[in-house]
């Protein structure tokens, strides 16, 4: 699983011009499910999103999580994160999970963030979406949980 996490002042996702998810201060989490990913990997990524200390404390140090600041997460499925441009100029998406596998794992990921005490909004799986955000910092972190990884060996 690949998740690009952006610290935002606000973010919104629209489908057909209408908002389907919107947050104020918090995190935009763009997520791609890859072949072989499991619920355990989605849980690991969800915990990292909820607990990543990337918000400033009173001393202006990145010490607080989205949960600490009572922020929200906007989770958006983005299979193109699994694109591979190592060969040629057209991306290969052969590592992206098929939709019937990716959708339940993406939903599990978003629900797991919610179970960790963070308000979650979502885009619509497989829809053509417009994502609007104001990146705060900018702060952008890439999480990658490879299919062979389980447990906490890559904490």
C-alpha atoms as a PDB file:
ATOM      1  CA  UNK A   1       0.000   0.000   0.000  1.00  0.00           C
ATOM      2  CA  UNK A   2       1.205   3.474  -0.858  1.00  0.00           C
ATOM      3  CA  UNK A   3      -0.139   6.546   0.921  1.00  0.00           C
ATOM      4  CA  UNK A   4       0.874  10.122   0.182  1.00  0.00           C
ATOM      5  CA  UNK A   5       0.047  12.227   3.243  1.00  0.00           C
ATOM      6  CA  UNK A   6      -0.157  15.999   2.910  1.00  0.00           C
ATOM      7  CA  UNK A   7      -0.631  18.346   5.840  1.00  0.00           C
ATOM      8  CA  UNK A   8      -3.383  20.743   4.783  1.00  0.00           C
ATOM      9  CA  UNK A   9      -5.121  23.889   5.974  1.00  0.00           C
ATOM     10  CA  UNK A  10      -8.157  22.625   4.064  1.00  0.00           C
ATOM     11  CA  UNK A  11      -8.996  20.101   1.365  1.00  0.00           C
ATOM     12  CA  UNK A  12     -12.024  19.155  -0.689  1.00  0.00           C
ATOM     13  CA  UNK A  13     -12.858  16.469  -3.216  1.00  0.00           C
ATOM     14  CA  UNK A  14     -15.546  16.955  -5.859  1.00  0.00           C
ATOM     15  CA  UNK A  15     -17.266  14.569  -8.240  1.00  0.00           C
ATOM     16  CA  UNK A  16     -19.211  16.067 -11.161  1.00  0.00           C
ATOM     17  CA  UNK A  17     -18.619  19.499  -9.650  1.00  0.00           C
ATOM     18  CA  UNK A  18     -20.254  18.717  -6.307  1.00  0.00           C
ATOM     19  CA  UNK A  19     -18.341  18.307  -3.036  1.00  0.00           C
ATOM     20  CA  UNK A  20     -18.337  14.747  -1.670  1.00  0.00           C
ATOM     21  CA  UNK A  21     -15.752  15.237   1.091  1.00  0.00           C
ATOM     22  CA  UNK A  22     -14.283  18.302   2.729  1.00  0.00           C
ATOM     23  CA  UNK A  23     -12.041  19.012   5.721  1.00  0.00           C
ATOM     24  CA  UNK A  24     -10.422  21.944   7.463  1.00  0.00           C
ATOM     25  CA  UNK A  25      -7.048  21.555   9.164  1.00  0.00           C
ATOM     26  CA  UNK A  26      -5.766  18.008   8.902  1.00  0.00           C
ATOM     27  CA  UNK A  27      -4.362  15.543   6.405  1.00  0.00           C
ATOM     28  CA  UNK A  28      -5.095  14.605   2.820  1.00  0.00           C
ATOM     29  CA  UNK A  29      -4.293  10.902   2.394  1.00  0.00           C
ATOM     30  CA  UNK A  30      -4.009   9.736  -1.216  1.00  0.00           C
ATOM     31  CA  UNK A  31      -3.961   5.927  -1.110  1.00  0.00           C
ATOM     32  CA  UNK A  32      -3.159   3.189  -3.619  1.00  0.00           C
ATOM     33  CA  UNK A  33      -3.755  -0.478  -2.909  1.00  0.00           C
ATOM     34  CA  UNK A  34      -1.276  -2.809  -4.587  1.00  0.00           C
ATOM     35  CA  UNK A  35      -1.544  -6.494  -5.433  1.00  0.00           C
ATOM     36  CA  UNK A  36      -0.915  -8.597  -2.337  1.00  0.00           C
ATOM     37  CA  UNK A  37      -1.849  -5.885   0.169  1.00  0.00           C
ATOM     38  CA  UNK A  38      -3.729  -7.004   3.277  1.00  0.00           C
ATOM     39  CA  UNK A  39      -5.887  -5.527   6.018  1.00  0.00           C
ATOM     40  CA  UNK A  40      -2.834  -5.653   8.306  1.00  0.00           C
ATOM     41  CA  UNK A  41      -0.949  -3.341   5.939  1.00  0.00           C
ATOM     42  CA  UNK A  42      -3.973  -1.023   5.675  1.00  0.00           C
ATOM     43  CA  UNK A  43      -4.155  -0.939   9.490  1.00  0.00           C
ATOM     44  CA  UNK A  44      -0.433  -0.084   9.697  1.00  0.00           C
ATOM     45  CA  UNK A  45      -0.860   2.773   7.217  1.00  0.00           C
ATOM     46  CA  UNK A  46      -3.981   4.024   9.030  1.00  0.00           C
ATOM     47  CA  UNK A  47      -2.119   4.070  12.344  1.00  0.00           C
ATOM     48  CA  UNK A  48       0.780   5.978  10.772  1.00  0.00           C
ATOM     49  CA  UNK A  49      -1.623   8.544   9.293  1.00  0.00           C
ATOM     50  CA  UNK A  50      -3.455   9.019  12.609  1.00  0.00           C
ATOM     51  CA  UNK A  51      -0.285   9.132  14.731  1.00  0.00           C
ATOM     52  CA  UNK A  52       2.289  10.876  12.499  1.00  0.00           C
ATOM     53  CA  UNK A  53       3.654  13.805  14.489  1.00  0.00           C
ATOM     54  CA  UNK A  54       3.727  16.398  11.724  1.00  0.00           C
ATOM     55  CA  UNK A  55       1.832  19.318  13.299  1.00  0.00           C
ATOM     56  CA  UNK A  56       3.584  22.027  15.292  1.00  0.00           C
ATOM     57  CA  UNK A  57       3.373  22.197  19.086  1.00  0.00           C
ATOM     58  CA  UNK A  58       3.644  25.389  21.188  1.00  0.00           C
ATOM     59  CA  UNK A  59       7.431  25.398  20.608  1.00  0.00           C
ATOM     60  CA  UNK A  60       6.883  25.182  16.818  1.00  0.00           C
ATOM     61  CA  UNK A  61       8.285  21.622  16.700  1.00  0.00           C
ATOM     62  CA  UNK A  62       6.576  18.901  14.665  1.00  0.00           C
ATOM     63  CA  UNK A  63       5.354  16.978  17.704  1.00  0.00           C
ATOM     64  CA  UNK A  64       1.579  16.653  17.321  1.00  0.00           C
ATOM     65  CA  UNK A  65      -0.564  14.237  15.324  1.00  0.00           C
ATOM     66  CA  UNK A  66      -3.792  14.959  13.474  1.00  0.00           C
ATOM     67  CA  UNK A  67      -5.558  13.297  16.393  1.00  0.00           C
ATOM     68  CA  UNK A  68      -3.763  15.580  18.884  1.00  0.00           C
ATOM     69  CA  UNK A  69      -4.914  18.716  17.062  1.00  0.00           C
ATOM     70  CA  UNK A  70      -8.448  17.301  16.602  1.00  0.00           C
ATOM     71  CA  UNK A  71      -8.040  17.610  12.834  1.00  0.00           C
ATOM     72  CA  UNK A  72      -9.573  15.483  10.112  1.00  0.00           C
ATOM     73  CA  UNK A  73      -8.400  13.222   7.303  1.00  0.00           C
ATOM     74  CA  UNK A  74      -9.635  13.348   3.719  1.00  0.00           C
ATOM     75  CA  UNK A  75      -8.948   9.881   2.272  1.00  0.00           C
ATOM     76  CA  UNK A  76      -8.883   9.613  -1.517  1.00  0.00           C
ATOM     77  CA  UNK A  77      -8.230   6.442  -3.476  1.00  0.00           C
ATOM     78  CA  UNK A  78      -5.581   7.055  -6.157  1.00  0.00           C
ATOM     79  CA  UNK A  79      -4.435   3.917  -7.975  1.00  0.00           C
ATOM     80  CA  UNK A  80      -2.041   5.962 -10.119  1.00  0.00           C
ATOM     81  CA  UNK A  81       0.364   6.080  -7.149  1.00  0.00           C
ATOM     82  CA  UNK A  82       1.152   2.475  -8.098  1.00  0.00           C
ATOM     83  CA  UNK A  83       2.224   3.617 -11.578  1.00  0.00           C
ATOM     84  CA  UNK A  84       5.658   2.467 -12.702  1.00  0.00           C
ATOM     85  CA  UNK A  85       7.677   4.561 -15.175  1.00  0.00           C
ATOM     86  CA  UNK A  86      10.938   2.612 -14.994  1.00  0.00           C
ATOM     87  CA  UNK A  87      10.447   1.366 -18.558  1.00  0.00           C
ATOM     88  CA  UNK A  88       9.242   3.641 -21.332  1.00  0.00           C
ATOM     89  CA  UNK A  89       7.104   6.732 -20.912  1.00  0.00           C
ATOM     90  CA  UNK A  90       3.641   5.248 -20.385  1.00  0.00           C
ATOM     91  CA  UNK A  91       3.094   4.190 -16.761  1.00  0.00           C
ATOM     92  CA  UNK A  92       2.420   0.555 -16.038  1.00  0.00           C
ATOM     93  CA  UNK A  93      -0.234  -0.099 -13.424  1.00  0.00           C
ATOM     94  CA  UNK A  94       0.403  -3.835 -13.193  1.00  0.00           C
ATOM     95  CA  UNK A  95       1.127  -3.592  -9.444  1.00  0.00           C
ATOM     96  CA  UNK A  96      -2.170  -1.847  -8.649  1.00  0.00           C
ATOM     97  CA  UNK A  97      -4.776  -4.141  -7.099  1.00  0.00           C
ATOM     98  CA  UNK A  98      -7.898  -4.899  -9.111  1.00  0.00           C
ATOM     99  CA  UNK A  99     -10.881  -2.739  -8.086  1.00  0.00           C
ATOM    100  CA  UNK A 100     -12.732  -5.615  -6.403  1.00  0.00           C
ATOM    101  CA  UNK A 101      -9.726  -6.059  -4.093  1.00  0.00           C
ATOM    102  CA  UNK A 102      -8.685  -2.402  -3.818  1.00  0.00           C
ATOM    103  CA  UNK A 103     -12.067  -0.952  -2.864  1.00  0.00           C
ATOM    104  CA  UNK A 104     -12.640  -3.027   0.299  1.00  0.00           C
ATOM    105  CA  UNK A 105      -9.027  -2.445   1.414  1.00  0.00           C
ATOM    106  CA  UNK A 106      -9.312   1.297   0.805  1.00  0.00           C
ATOM    107  CA  UNK A 107     -12.568   1.357   2.783  1.00  0.00           C
ATOM    108  CA  UNK A 108     -10.876  -0.664   5.550  1.00  0.00           C
ATOM    109  CA  UNK A 109      -8.000   1.874   5.600  1.00  0.00           C
ATOM    110  CA  UNK A 110     -10.394   4.838   5.943  1.00  0.00           C
ATOM    111  CA  UNK A 111     -12.492   3.089   8.603  1.00  0.00           C
ATOM    112  CA  UNK A 112      -9.338   2.159  10.542  1.00  0.00           C
ATOM    113  CA  UNK A 113      -8.349   5.830  10.715  1.00  0.00           C
ATOM    114  CA  UNK A 114     -11.812   6.577  12.091  1.00  0.00           C
ATOM    115  CA  UNK A 115     -11.493   3.821  14.692  1.00  0.00           C
ATOM    116  CA  UNK A 116      -8.333   5.580  15.885  1.00  0.00           C
ATOM    117  CA  UNK A 117     -10.393   8.626  16.829  1.00  0.00           C
ATOM    118  CA  UNK A 118      -9.926  10.808  13.756  1.00  0.00           C
ATOM    119  CA  UNK A 119     -12.819  12.238  11.733  1.00  0.00           C
ATOM    120  CA  UNK A 120     -12.581  10.915   8.152  1.00  0.00           C
ATOM    121  CA  UNK A 121     -14.118  12.173   4.926  1.00  0.00           C
ATOM    122  CA  UNK A 122     -13.658  10.256   1.661  1.00  0.00           C
ATOM    123  CA  UNK A 123     -13.717  10.606  -2.065  1.00  0.00           C
ATOM    124  CA  UNK A 124     -15.699   8.168  -4.212  1.00  0.00           C
ATOM    125  CA  UNK A 125     -13.838   5.046  -5.281  1.00  0.00           C
ATOM    126  CA  UNK A 126     -13.184   4.875  -9.066  1.00  0.00           C
ATOM    127  CA  UNK A 127     -14.844   8.237  -9.709  1.00  0.00           C
ATOM    128  CA  UNK A 128     -13.145  10.987 -11.687  1.00  0.00           C
ATOM    129  CA  UNK A 129     -12.427  13.392  -8.837  1.00  0.00           C
ATOM    130  CA  UNK A 130     -11.167  16.931  -8.492  1.00  0.00           C
ATOM    131  CA  UNK A 131      -9.062  17.311  -5.363  1.00  0.00           C
ATOM    132  CA  UNK A 132      -8.440  20.803  -4.086  1.00  0.00           C
ATOM    133  CA  UNK A 133      -6.055  21.441  -1.206  1.00  0.00           C
ATOM    134  CA  UNK A 134      -3.993  24.034   0.536  1.00  0.00           C
ATOM    135  CA  UNK A 135      -0.782  22.266   1.539  1.00  0.00           C
ATOM    136  CA  UNK A 136       0.367  23.597   4.905  1.00  0.00           C
ATOM    137  CA  UNK A 137       4.136  23.932   5.058  1.00  0.00           C
ATOM    138  CA  UNK A 138       4.339  22.281   2.589  1.00  0.00           C
ATOM    139  CA  UNK A 139       4.569  18.980   4.438  1.00  0.00           C
ATOM    140  CA  UNK A 140       4.245  15.818   2.360  1.00  0.00           C
ATOM    141  CA  UNK A 141       5.136  12.312   3.556  1.00  0.00           C
ATOM    142  CA  UNK A 142       5.124   9.083   1.538  1.00  0.00           C
ATOM    143  CA  UNK A 143       4.175   5.879   3.361  1.00  0.00           C
ATOM    144  CA  UNK A 144       4.793   2.578   1.664  1.00  0.00           C
ATOM    145  CA  UNK A 145       3.822  -0.771   3.107  1.00  0.00           C
ATOM    146  CA  UNK A 146       5.095  -3.532   0.824  1.00  0.00           C
ATOM    147  CA  UNK A 147       3.041  -6.726   0.395  1.00  0.00           C
ATOM    148  CA  UNK A 148       5.753  -8.844   2.044  1.00  0.00           C
ATOM    149  CA  UNK A 149       5.834  -6.725   5.187  1.00  0.00           C
ATOM    150  CA  UNK A 150       3.766  -7.695   8.183  1.00  0.00           C
ATOM    151  CA  UNK A 151       3.845  -6.773  11.844  1.00  0.00           C
ATOM    152  CA  UNK A 152       6.155  -3.974  12.958  1.00  0.00           C
ATOM    153  CA  UNK A 153       9.438  -4.820  11.233  1.00  0.00           C
ATOM    154  CA  UNK A 154       9.275  -1.483   9.404  1.00  0.00           C
ATOM    155  CA  UNK A 155       7.899   0.674  12.219  1.00  0.00           C
END
